[in-house]
Protein backbone atom coordinates (compact mmCIF):
# COMPACT_ATOMS: atom_id res chain seq x y z
CA MET A 1 -42.97 31.65 -7.64
CA SER A 2 -39.22 31.75 -8.04
CA SER A 3 -36.71 28.95 -7.46
CA ASP A 4 -32.99 28.97 -6.71
CA ASP A 5 -32.54 25.67 -8.56
CA PRO A 6 -31.54 26.52 -12.16
CA ASN A 7 -32.56 23.04 -13.31
CA THR A 8 -36.04 23.54 -11.90
CA THR A 9 -36.30 26.95 -13.60
CA ARG A 10 -35.14 25.50 -16.91
CA ARG A 11 -37.72 22.75 -16.75
CA ARG A 12 -40.47 25.30 -16.19
CA VAL A 13 -39.36 27.32 -19.23
CA LEU A 14 -39.35 24.23 -21.41
CA PHE A 15 -42.75 23.16 -20.16
CA GLY A 16 -44.00 26.67 -20.94
CA VAL A 17 -42.66 26.54 -24.49
CA GLY A 18 -44.24 23.15 -25.02
CA ALA A 19 -47.63 24.30 -23.70
CA GLY A 20 -47.62 27.45 -25.82
CA ALA A 21 -46.83 25.49 -28.97
CA THR A 22 -49.64 23.08 -28.26
CA VAL A 23 -52.13 25.92 -27.75
CA GLY A 24 -51.00 27.60 -30.98
CA LEU A 25 -51.42 24.39 -32.91
CA ALA A 26 -54.91 23.90 -31.52
CA GLY A 27 -55.85 27.47 -32.55
CA CYS A 28 -54.64 26.95 -36.11
CA LEU A 29 -56.56 23.73 -36.42
CA GLY A 30 -59.69 25.51 -35.18
CA ASN A 31 -59.33 28.35 -37.75
CA SER A 32 -58.86 25.82 -40.52
CA ASP A 33 -62.11 24.10 -39.59
CA ASP A 34 -63.95 27.44 -39.56
CA GLY A 35 -62.49 28.38 -42.96
CA ASP A 36 -63.69 25.16 -44.52
CA ALA A 37 -67.23 26.01 -43.40
CA GLY A 38 -67.14 29.68 -44.50
CA THR A 39 -66.33 31.67 -47.65
CA ASP A 40 -63.11 30.86 -49.50
CA THR A 41 -60.65 33.66 -50.08
CA ASP A 42 -58.88 34.18 -53.41
CA THR A 43 -55.53 33.19 -51.92
CA ASP A 44 -55.05 30.69 -49.15
CA THR A 45 -52.77 32.03 -46.50
CA PRO A 46 -50.18 29.34 -45.80
CA THR A 47 -50.05 28.27 -42.20
CA GLU A 48 -46.63 27.28 -40.81
CA GLU A 49 -46.54 23.98 -38.99
CA PRO A 50 -45.64 24.91 -35.42
CA THR A 51 -42.55 23.34 -33.89
CA ASN A 52 -43.28 21.38 -30.75
CA THR A 53 -40.32 21.99 -28.46
CA PRO A 54 -39.70 18.84 -26.41
CA THR A 55 -39.61 19.02 -22.66
CA ASP A 56 -36.80 17.52 -20.53
CA GLU A 57 -38.99 14.50 -19.93
CA GLU A 58 -39.53 14.03 -23.66
CA THR A 59 -35.85 14.36 -24.61
CA PRO A 60 -34.31 10.88 -24.93
CA THR A 61 -31.18 10.39 -22.85
CA GLU A 62 -28.36 8.78 -24.78
CA GLU A 63 -26.31 6.21 -22.89
CA PRO A 64 -22.55 6.72 -23.29
CA GLU A 65 -20.91 4.21 -25.58
CA GLY A 66 -18.36 1.66 -24.42
CA THR A 67 -17.84 -0.29 -21.22
CA ALA A 68 -16.11 0.16 -17.88
CA ASN A 69 -14.66 -2.39 -15.45
CA VAL A 70 -15.95 -2.37 -11.89
CA ARG A 71 -15.02 -4.55 -8.93
CA VAL A 72 -16.21 -4.59 -5.33
CA ALA A 73 -14.17 -4.81 -2.12
CA HIS A 74 -15.88 -5.70 1.18
CA LEU A 75 -13.99 -3.72 3.83
CA SER A 76 -16.68 -3.06 6.44
CA PRO A 77 -15.46 -4.97 9.51
CA ASN A 78 -18.81 -5.36 11.27
CA ALA A 79 -20.97 -5.95 8.19
CA PRO A 80 -22.17 -9.46 7.32
CA ASN A 81 -21.39 -11.20 4.06
CA VAL A 82 -23.08 -9.27 1.27
CA ASP A 83 -24.69 -9.63 -2.14
CA VAL A 84 -24.07 -6.96 -4.79
CA TYR A 85 -26.58 -5.89 -7.42
CA VAL A 86 -25.89 -3.81 -10.54
CA ASP A 87 -28.92 -2.34 -12.30
CA GLY A 88 -31.20 -4.71 -10.40
CA SER A 89 -29.32 -7.92 -11.23
CA VAL A 90 -27.24 -9.79 -8.66
CA VAL A 91 -23.60 -9.97 -9.81
CA LEU A 92 -21.82 -11.11 -6.62
CA GLU A 93 -23.15 -13.34 -3.86
CA ASP A 94 -22.09 -14.07 -0.28
CA VAL A 95 -19.01 -11.82 -0.40
CA PRO A 96 -17.13 -11.97 2.94
CA PHE A 97 -15.14 -9.24 4.67
CA GLY A 98 -11.71 -8.80 3.11
CA ALA A 99 -12.71 -10.10 -0.30
CA VAL A 100 -12.04 -8.23 -3.54
CA SER A 101 -14.01 -9.39 -6.56
CA GLU A 102 -12.78 -9.74 -10.09
CA TYR A 103 -13.53 -6.87 -12.43
CA LEU A 104 -17.03 -6.93 -13.92
CA GLU A 105 -17.58 -5.38 -17.35
CA VAL A 106 -20.54 -2.98 -17.28
CA PRO A 107 -21.91 -0.42 -19.76
CA ALA A 108 -20.55 3.10 -19.31
CA GLY A 109 -22.92 5.59 -17.71
CA GLU A 110 -24.72 5.72 -14.39
CA ARG A 111 -25.06 2.27 -12.86
CA GLU A 112 -27.44 1.57 -10.00
CA ILE A 113 -25.51 -0.36 -7.36
CA GLU A 114 -27.10 -1.94 -4.32
CA ILE A 115 -25.42 -3.84 -1.48
CA THR A 116 -27.57 -6.13 0.67
CA ALA A 117 -27.04 -8.68 3.40
CA ALA A 118 -26.20 -12.02 1.76
CA GLY A 119 -29.36 -13.94 0.92
CA ASP A 120 -31.60 -11.15 2.22
CA ALA A 121 -32.50 -8.79 -0.61
CA ASP A 122 -34.76 -6.75 1.68
CA THR A 123 -31.90 -5.74 4.00
CA SER A 124 -30.17 -3.09 1.92
CA VAL A 125 -27.14 -1.30 3.36
CA PHE A 126 -26.56 0.88 0.31
CA ALA A 127 -28.35 1.77 -2.90
CA GLY A 128 -27.29 4.55 -5.23
CA ALA A 129 -26.09 5.60 -8.66
CA VAL A 130 -22.40 5.26 -9.49
CA PRO A 131 -21.22 7.00 -12.69
CA VAL A 132 -18.59 5.07 -14.66
CA GLU A 133 -16.73 6.18 -17.77
CA ALA A 134 -15.82 4.01 -20.74
CA ASP A 135 -12.42 2.30 -20.76
CA THR A 136 -11.90 3.01 -17.06
CA ASP A 137 -11.40 0.65 -14.10
CA TYR A 138 -13.09 1.26 -10.76
CA THR A 139 -13.12 -0.24 -7.28
CA VAL A 140 -16.26 0.23 -5.21
CA ALA A 141 -15.15 -0.40 -1.61
CA ALA A 142 -17.79 -1.01 1.06
CA THR A 143 -16.25 0.86 4.00
CA GLY A 144 -17.23 2.10 7.44
CA GLU A 145 -19.50 0.39 9.94
CA LEU A 146 -23.14 -0.51 10.34
CA GLY A 147 -25.03 0.76 13.36
CA ASP A 148 -25.57 3.97 15.28
CA MET A 149 -22.40 3.95 17.43
CA ALA A 150 -19.98 3.79 14.51
CA ASP A 151 -16.56 5.41 14.27
CA GLN A 152 -17.11 5.79 10.53
CA THR A 153 -20.50 5.63 8.81
CA PHE A 154 -21.01 2.83 6.30
CA GLU A 155 -20.69 4.08 2.72
CA PRO A 156 -19.14 2.97 -0.55
CA LEU A 157 -15.82 4.51 -1.51
CA VAL A 158 -15.56 4.75 -5.30
CA LEU A 159 -11.96 4.64 -6.52
CA GLU A 160 -10.68 5.10 -10.06
CA ASP A 161 -7.95 2.51 -10.66
CA ASP A 162 -4.73 3.17 -12.57
CA ASN A 163 -3.94 -0.23 -14.06
CA SER A 164 -1.64 1.08 -16.78
CA GLU A 165 1.70 -0.69 -17.23
CA PRO A 166 4.23 0.66 -14.67
CA GLY A 167 7.30 -0.84 -16.41
CA SER A 168 8.74 -4.34 -16.41
CA ASP A 169 10.96 -3.80 -13.34
CA THR A 170 8.53 -1.61 -11.43
CA ALA A 171 5.41 -2.26 -9.37
CA ARG A 172 2.69 0.30 -8.69
CA ILE A 173 0.98 0.00 -5.32
CA ARG A 174 -1.91 1.95 -3.86
CA ALA A 175 -2.73 2.24 -0.17
CA VAL A 176 -6.36 2.63 0.89
CA HIS A 177 -7.10 3.48 4.54
CA ALA A 178 -10.34 1.71 5.46
CA SER A 179 -9.82 0.92 9.16
CA PRO A 180 -12.59 2.73 11.08
CA ASP A 181 -10.77 3.07 14.41
CA ALA A 182 -7.26 3.73 13.08
CA PRO A 183 -5.82 7.25 13.11
CA THR A 184 -3.97 8.83 10.22
CA ILE A 185 -1.10 6.51 9.26
CA ASP A 186 2.28 6.41 7.57
CA ILE A 187 3.45 3.31 5.69
CA THR A 188 7.20 2.68 5.63
CA THR A 189 9.53 -0.09 4.45
CA ALA A 190 11.30 -2.05 7.18
CA SER A 191 14.52 -2.42 5.18
CA ASN A 192 15.37 1.29 5.08
CA GLY A 193 12.58 3.17 6.84
CA ASP A 194 11.57 5.03 3.67
CA ALA A 195 8.02 6.38 3.77
CA LEU A 196 5.99 5.02 0.88
CA PHE A 197 2.80 6.73 2.05
CA ASP A 198 2.64 9.75 4.33
CA ALA A 199 -0.31 10.91 6.45
CA VAL A 200 -3.01 8.72 4.91
CA GLU A 201 -6.34 9.51 6.56
CA TYR A 202 -9.41 7.31 6.71
CA GLY A 203 -11.03 7.09 3.28
CA GLU A 204 -7.93 8.36 1.49
CA SER A 205 -5.79 6.54 -1.05
CA GLY A 206 -2.86 7.12 -3.35
CA TYR A 207 -0.39 5.35 -5.63
CA VAL A 208 3.39 5.03 -5.50
CA GLU A 209 5.81 3.12 -7.75
CA VAL A 210 8.63 0.98 -6.36
CA PRO A 211 11.20 -1.48 -7.74
CA ALA A 212 9.79 -5.00 -7.97
CA GLY A 213 10.79 -7.14 -4.99
CA GLU A 214 9.95 -8.39 -1.51
CA TYR A 215 8.98 -5.80 1.09
CA THR A 216 8.02 -5.68 4.73
CA LEU A 217 5.54 -2.81 5.06
CA GLU A 218 5.24 -1.10 8.44
CA ILE A 219 2.01 0.62 9.48
CA ARG A 220 2.79 3.54 11.81
CA GLY A 221 0.89 6.30 13.50
CA ASP A 222 1.46 9.47 11.50
CA THR A 223 4.30 11.78 12.56
CA ASP A 224 6.14 14.56 10.75
CA ALA A 225 9.21 12.32 10.42
CA SER A 226 7.20 9.15 9.62
CA ASP A 227 8.81 7.45 12.62
CA GLY A 228 5.77 6.73 14.77
CA ASP A 229 5.24 3.46 16.61
CA VAL A 230 4.83 0.45 14.32
CA VAL A 231 1.36 -0.96 15.01
CA ALA A 232 1.56 -3.74 12.41
CA GLU A 233 3.81 -5.01 9.66
CA PHE A 234 3.16 -7.17 6.63
CA ASP A 235 5.31 -9.01 4.09
CA VAL A 236 4.37 -8.41 0.46
CA SER A 237 5.81 -9.61 -2.84
CA LEU A 238 5.49 -7.08 -5.67
CA ALA A 239 6.12 -8.34 -9.19
CA GLY A 240 7.45 -6.15 -11.98
CA GLY A 241 4.89 -4.77 -14.41
CA GLN A 242 2.02 -5.32 -11.96
CA VAL A 243 -0.35 -3.05 -10.04
CA TYR A 244 -1.52 -3.70 -6.48
CA THR A 245 -3.88 -2.21 -3.93
CA ALA A 246 -3.20 -2.59 -0.20
CA PHE A 247 -6.37 -2.09 1.83
CA ALA A 248 -5.66 -1.28 5.50
CA ALA A 249 -8.85 -2.66 7.06
CA GLY A 250 -10.31 -4.17 10.22
CA TYR A 251 -10.00 -2.81 13.75
CA LEU A 252 -6.80 -1.78 15.51
CA SER A 253 -8.62 -2.46 18.81
CA PRO A 254 -11.18 -5.17 17.99
CA ASP A 255 -12.05 -5.80 21.65
CA ASP A 256 -13.47 -2.28 21.87
CA GLU A 257 -15.45 -2.44 18.63
CA PRO A 258 -18.75 -3.99 17.44
CA GLY A 259 -17.03 -6.62 15.29
CA ASP A 260 -14.14 -8.86 16.34
CA THR A 261 -12.22 -8.26 13.12
CA PRO A 262 -8.53 -7.48 13.72
CA PHE A 263 -6.53 -5.03 11.64
CA ASP A 264 -5.07 -6.49 8.46
CA LEU A 265 -3.44 -5.41 5.22
CA LEU A 266 -5.40 -6.99 2.37
CA VAL A 267 -3.37 -6.89 -0.83
CA SER A 268 -4.93 -7.47 -4.24
CA GLN A 269 -3.02 -7.82 -7.51
CA ASP A 270 -5.15 -5.55 -9.66
CA THR A 271 -3.64 -6.31 -13.06
CA ASN A 272 -4.05 -10.06 -12.63
CA GLY A 273 -7.79 -9.90 -12.08
CA GLY A 274 -9.31 -9.12 -8.72
CA MET A 275 -9.27 -11.90 -6.17
CA MET A 276 -12.09 -13.06 -3.98
CA SER A 277 -9.42 -13.73 -1.39
CA THR A 278 -6.27 -11.71 -0.96
CA SER A 279 -4.55 -14.22 1.30
CA PRO A 280 -1.17 -15.43 0.05
CA GLY A 281 -0.24 -18.86 -1.23
CA ASN A 282 2.66 -21.00 0.00
CA VAL A 283 5.32 -22.37 -2.32
CA ARG A 284 8.32 -24.60 -1.66
CA VAL A 285 10.98 -26.07 -3.95
CA SER A 286 12.38 -29.62 -4.11
CA HIS A 287 15.64 -30.37 -5.94
CA MET A 288 15.16 -33.88 -7.35
CA SER A 289 17.24 -33.71 -10.56
CA PRO A 290 20.05 -36.24 -9.97
CA ASN A 291 22.58 -34.83 -12.44
CA ALA A 292 21.93 -31.12 -11.85
CA PRO A 293 24.32 -29.06 -9.71
CA ASN A 294 23.26 -27.20 -6.60
CA VAL A 295 20.81 -24.50 -7.63
CA ASP A 296 19.58 -21.02 -6.75
CA VAL A 297 15.89 -20.20 -7.05
CA TYR A 298 14.54 -16.79 -8.05
CA VAL A 299 10.95 -15.59 -7.68
CA ASP A 300 10.05 -12.42 -9.59
CA GLU A 301 13.78 -11.80 -10.17
CA SER A 302 14.66 -11.91 -6.46
CA VAL A 303 16.71 -14.82 -5.11
CA VAL A 304 14.74 -16.73 -2.47
CA LEU A 305 16.82 -19.93 -2.11
CA GLU A 306 20.57 -20.35 -2.56
CA ASP A 307 22.87 -23.32 -3.08
CA VAL A 308 20.10 -25.94 -2.81
CA PRO A 309 21.57 -29.48 -3.15
CA PHE A 310 19.96 -32.58 -4.66
CA GLY A 311 17.43 -34.25 -2.36
CA THR A 312 16.53 -31.05 -0.49
CA THR A 313 13.04 -29.65 -0.01
CA SER A 314 12.79 -26.05 1.19
CA ASP A 315 10.41 -24.62 3.75
CA TYR A 316 7.28 -23.02 2.35
CA LEU A 317 7.69 -19.46 1.10
CA GLU A 318 4.70 -17.13 1.38
CA LEU A 319 3.84 -15.51 -1.97
CA ALA A 320 1.07 -13.12 -2.90
CA ALA A 321 -1.67 -14.78 -4.93
CA GLY A 322 -1.21 -14.27 -8.67
CA ASP A 323 1.27 -15.16 -11.39
CA HIS A 324 4.94 -15.30 -10.42
CA THR A 325 8.06 -15.72 -12.52
CA VAL A 326 10.19 -18.59 -11.20
CA GLU A 327 13.74 -19.16 -12.40
CA ILE A 328 16.18 -21.92 -11.44
CA THR A 329 19.88 -21.34 -12.07
CA ALA A 330 23.15 -23.06 -11.24
CA ALA A 331 24.20 -22.00 -7.73
CA GLY A 332 26.20 -18.78 -7.83
CA ASP A 333 25.84 -18.52 -11.62
CA PRO A 334 22.69 -16.54 -12.52
CA GLU A 335 23.63 -16.67 -16.21
CA THR A 336 23.20 -20.47 -16.30
CA SER A 337 19.44 -20.82 -16.19
CA VAL A 338 17.94 -24.30 -16.33
CA PHE A 339 14.33 -23.13 -16.11
CA SER A 340 12.38 -19.89 -16.30
CA GLY A 341 8.60 -19.68 -16.46
CA THR A 342 5.38 -18.35 -14.97
CA VAL A 343 3.81 -20.17 -12.03
CA PRO A 344 0.23 -19.25 -11.02
CA VAL A 345 -0.35 -19.17 -7.25
CA GLU A 346 -3.84 -19.18 -5.76
CA ALA A 347 -4.67 -17.76 -2.36
CA ASP A 348 -4.68 -20.14 0.62
CA THR A 349 -3.09 -22.90 -1.46
CA ASP A 350 0.18 -24.80 -0.92
CA TYR A 351 2.44 -25.84 -3.79
CA THR A 352 5.62 -27.83 -4.31
CA ILE A 353 7.77 -27.02 -7.35
CA VAL A 354 9.91 -30.09 -8.03
CA ALA A 355 13.04 -29.75 -10.18
CA ALA A 356 12.79 -33.12 -11.94
CA GLY A 357 14.42 -34.89 -14.89
CA GLU A 358 17.99 -34.51 -16.13
CA LEU A 359 20.19 -31.90 -17.75
CA GLY A 360 21.87 -32.66 -21.06
CA ASP A 361 21.03 -34.12 -24.46
CA MET A 362 21.21 -37.89 -23.88
CA VAL A 363 18.76 -38.15 -20.99
CA ASP A 364 16.04 -40.55 -19.90
CA GLN A 365 13.77 -37.69 -18.80
CA THR A 366 14.10 -34.04 -19.85
CA PHE A 367 14.63 -31.52 -17.06
CA GLU A 368 11.47 -29.62 -16.17
CA PRO A 369 9.72 -28.41 -13.03
CA LEU A 370 6.81 -30.47 -11.76
CA ILE A 371 4.23 -28.24 -10.05
CA LEU A 372 2.21 -30.05 -7.39
CA GLU A 373 -0.74 -28.72 -5.41
CA ASP A 374 -0.34 -29.90 -1.82
CA ASP A 375 -3.18 -31.14 0.39
CA ASN A 376 -2.02 -30.13 3.85
CA SER A 377 -5.43 -30.27 5.48
CA SER A 378 -5.60 -32.30 8.68
CA PRO A 379 -6.14 -36.02 8.03
CA GLY A 380 -7.32 -36.72 11.59
CA GLU A 381 -5.35 -37.21 14.78
CA ASP A 382 -4.82 -40.98 14.33
CA THR A 383 -4.22 -40.86 10.59
CA ALA A 384 -1.32 -39.82 8.39
CA ARG A 385 -1.62 -38.68 4.78
CA VAL A 386 1.33 -39.60 2.55
CA ARG A 387 1.99 -38.75 -1.08
CA ALA A 388 4.36 -40.60 -3.39
CA VAL A 389 6.11 -38.68 -6.19
CA HIS A 390 8.08 -40.65 -8.81
CA VAL A 391 11.06 -38.57 -9.99
CA SER A 392 13.67 -41.27 -10.69
CA PRO A 393 14.61 -40.78 -14.37
CA ASP A 394 15.67 -44.39 -15.10
CA ALA A 395 13.06 -46.19 -12.98
CA PRO A 396 10.01 -47.81 -14.59
CA ALA A 397 6.50 -47.44 -13.19
CA VAL A 398 6.48 -48.64 -9.58
CA ASP A 399 4.20 -50.08 -6.94
CA ILE A 400 4.75 -49.18 -3.29
CA THR A 401 3.69 -51.74 -0.69
CA ALA A 402 3.86 -52.07 3.10
CA SER A 403 6.16 -54.97 4.05
CA SER A 404 4.23 -55.89 7.21
CA THR A 405 1.00 -56.64 5.39
CA GLY A 406 1.86 -56.58 1.70
CA ASP A 407 -0.89 -53.99 1.23
CA THR A 408 -0.46 -51.78 -1.82
CA LEU A 409 -0.27 -48.11 -0.92
CA PHE A 410 0.46 -46.88 -4.46
CA ASN A 411 -0.16 -48.72 -7.71
CA GLY A 412 1.50 -48.17 -11.10
CA VAL A 413 3.11 -44.79 -10.44
CA GLY A 414 5.00 -43.63 -13.55
CA PHE A 415 7.65 -40.92 -13.81
CA SER A 416 6.27 -37.56 -12.61
CA GLY A 417 3.19 -39.33 -11.27
CA SER A 418 1.97 -38.63 -7.75
CA GLY A 419 -0.96 -39.27 -5.47
CA TYR A 420 -2.07 -39.28 -1.83
CA THR A 421 -3.22 -42.07 0.44
CA GLU A 422 -4.18 -42.10 4.11
CA VAL A 423 -2.93 -44.74 6.56
CA PRO A 424 -3.09 -45.30 10.32
CA ALA A 425 -0.29 -43.48 12.13
CA ASN A 426 2.53 -45.99 12.63
CA ASP A 427 6.03 -47.10 11.66
CA TYR A 428 6.23 -48.65 8.19
CA THR A 429 8.74 -50.32 5.91
CA LEU A 430 7.85 -49.19 2.40
CA GLN A 431 8.83 -51.49 -0.47
CA ILE A 432 9.48 -50.09 -3.95
CA ARG A 433 8.60 -52.70 -6.58
CA GLY A 434 8.45 -52.83 -10.34
CA ASP A 435 4.82 -52.41 -11.35
CA THR A 436 2.82 -55.61 -11.91
CA GLU A 437 -0.90 -56.30 -12.08
CA SER A 438 -0.80 -58.11 -8.73
CA ASN A 439 1.64 -55.64 -7.13
CA ASP A 440 4.09 -58.43 -6.35
CA GLY A 441 7.03 -57.36 -8.49
CA GLU A 442 10.62 -57.62 -7.33
CA VAL A 443 11.48 -55.29 -4.44
CA VAL A 444 14.22 -52.94 -5.69
CA ALA A 445 14.48 -50.93 -2.46
CA ASP A 446 12.85 -50.59 0.92
CA PHE A 447 12.76 -47.72 3.38
CA ASP A 448 11.70 -47.33 7.01
CA VAL A 449 9.41 -44.37 7.71
CA SER A 450 7.59 -43.14 10.80
CA LEU A 451 4.24 -41.49 10.07
CA ASN A 452 2.65 -39.47 12.88
CA GLY A 453 -1.06 -38.90 13.37
CA GLY A 454 -2.48 -35.64 12.06
CA GLN A 455 0.51 -35.06 9.77
CA VAL A 456 1.04 -34.97 6.00
CA TYR A 457 4.11 -36.34 4.21
CA THR A 458 5.57 -36.50 0.72
CA ALA A 459 7.88 -39.36 -0.32
CA PHE A 460 10.02 -38.48 -3.36
CA ALA A 461 11.42 -41.56 -5.14
CA ALA A 462 14.52 -40.00 -6.71
CA GLY A 463 18.03 -40.72 -7.94
CA TYR A 464 19.10 -43.50 -10.32
CA LEU A 465 18.21 -47.18 -10.01
CA SER A 466 21.36 -47.94 -12.04
CA PRO A 467 23.74 -45.06 -11.24
CA ASP A 468 26.71 -46.74 -12.95
CA ASP A 469 24.91 -46.42 -16.29
CA GLU A 470 23.90 -42.80 -15.82
CA PRO A 471 25.63 -39.40 -16.12
CA GLN A 472 25.86 -38.96 -12.36
CA ASP A 473 26.58 -41.43 -9.55
CA VAL A 474 23.46 -40.60 -7.53
CA ALA A 475 21.85 -43.74 -6.13
CA PHE A 476 18.10 -44.29 -5.84
CA ASP A 477 16.63 -43.02 -2.56
CA LEU A 478 13.31 -42.17 -0.92
CA PHE A 479 13.28 -38.60 0.40
CA VAL A 480 10.45 -38.10 2.90
CA THR A 481 9.32 -34.62 3.94
CA GLN A 482 6.91 -33.83 6.75
CA ASP A 483 4.86 -31.23 4.90
CA THR A 484 2.71 -29.94 7.74
CA SER A 485 5.68 -28.91 9.86
CA GLU A 486 7.71 -27.48 6.96
CA MET A 487 10.58 -29.83 7.81
CA SER A 488 12.75 -31.56 5.25
CA ASN A 489 14.07 -35.03 6.15
């Protein structure tokens, strides 16, 4: 019987060789037994030891040496949260739509990957072998839809990632089209209409390199001139020397689809470790250095705030999750830098970068940014959350009390110290006192504040208690910002 499969034919040949060798060996052993029982000859005829040719099944398979890096992106808009198994072991649990995992180091070779409903190992939506090469990065994207009436069938899309260094002033970005109901798309920049990606079909991807900076990306229906209607646009911040992937996912028309998951552009910073959430973080800047001039603020070498005076707190700026280079310079003088450093930003997290301390050699407190993580969650409709931040260089540790009751809101707050407390929504007179054990020190200043229910505030105690003795005549003050409405007071 013949076969068109050359592998099948080859196996049969090898099995045949193995069987013949075994038969020959058995015959030789039989003749040897007979010879021992019969008459010896003058000269023994040497018998060659037969070679037993191994079959395919007997040939050991060598695993490739080295390791690869593999991450998983959940981009199936109507699939539940999932668990991911590699070679039978769970490596990721309860992964939601839109999440991109960190890279997992796995041995090179064929890896068995299975994706199941979260917490339900018996409900498998994919199981198969994925070959990975040593020293290579991969993204396994769960794409398409579950169910019979799907625009695109559920299947993993295996992408080889180029995470090599693009250059210090350049970002590399890849677009991946994973929206089941979206047509072929173009992606352009709003600033000049240039097409970064042209005619990207579902399941396709590709890289492009651009100067580092802030971009508004426009998603358009594909046309020859890349000037189709803009169906969505997204702001992204691309840092120099970094690599990103922008997954176009979700439904353009969620009301007509099996899952109510609207279209989104999910951006991961690939060279900073994959992120389980690709949502941005929010960062604002407060100028609380009493002897510093007005300042400009740069993020990833692009100016984001200009001519910021003392006592000012900016609105929140949306930044992609990951590490960002922040630089503070004298206003209008980029050569006079007072700070430059890396600030890590996590997804769905709010931060305040406070320019605190003093410039110069003979200072009470050295100039440096104070990075605060902000709790802007709702405190309840009848409650206000207020944070005190001590950034007055010549002030000792302070207590802050409410004049109406004498209650202590903050106790023993030293320079650069901060903390939150929650109080009933109301009007208050806050008293700033020198710290004592009984919180009854002399009141050095008091301030009237109105705290609304459901809102969050930060009170910066800044300036000099004794301005006549300091390098700048900036008197002590309490600067109160309403954080949950992005307003500076």
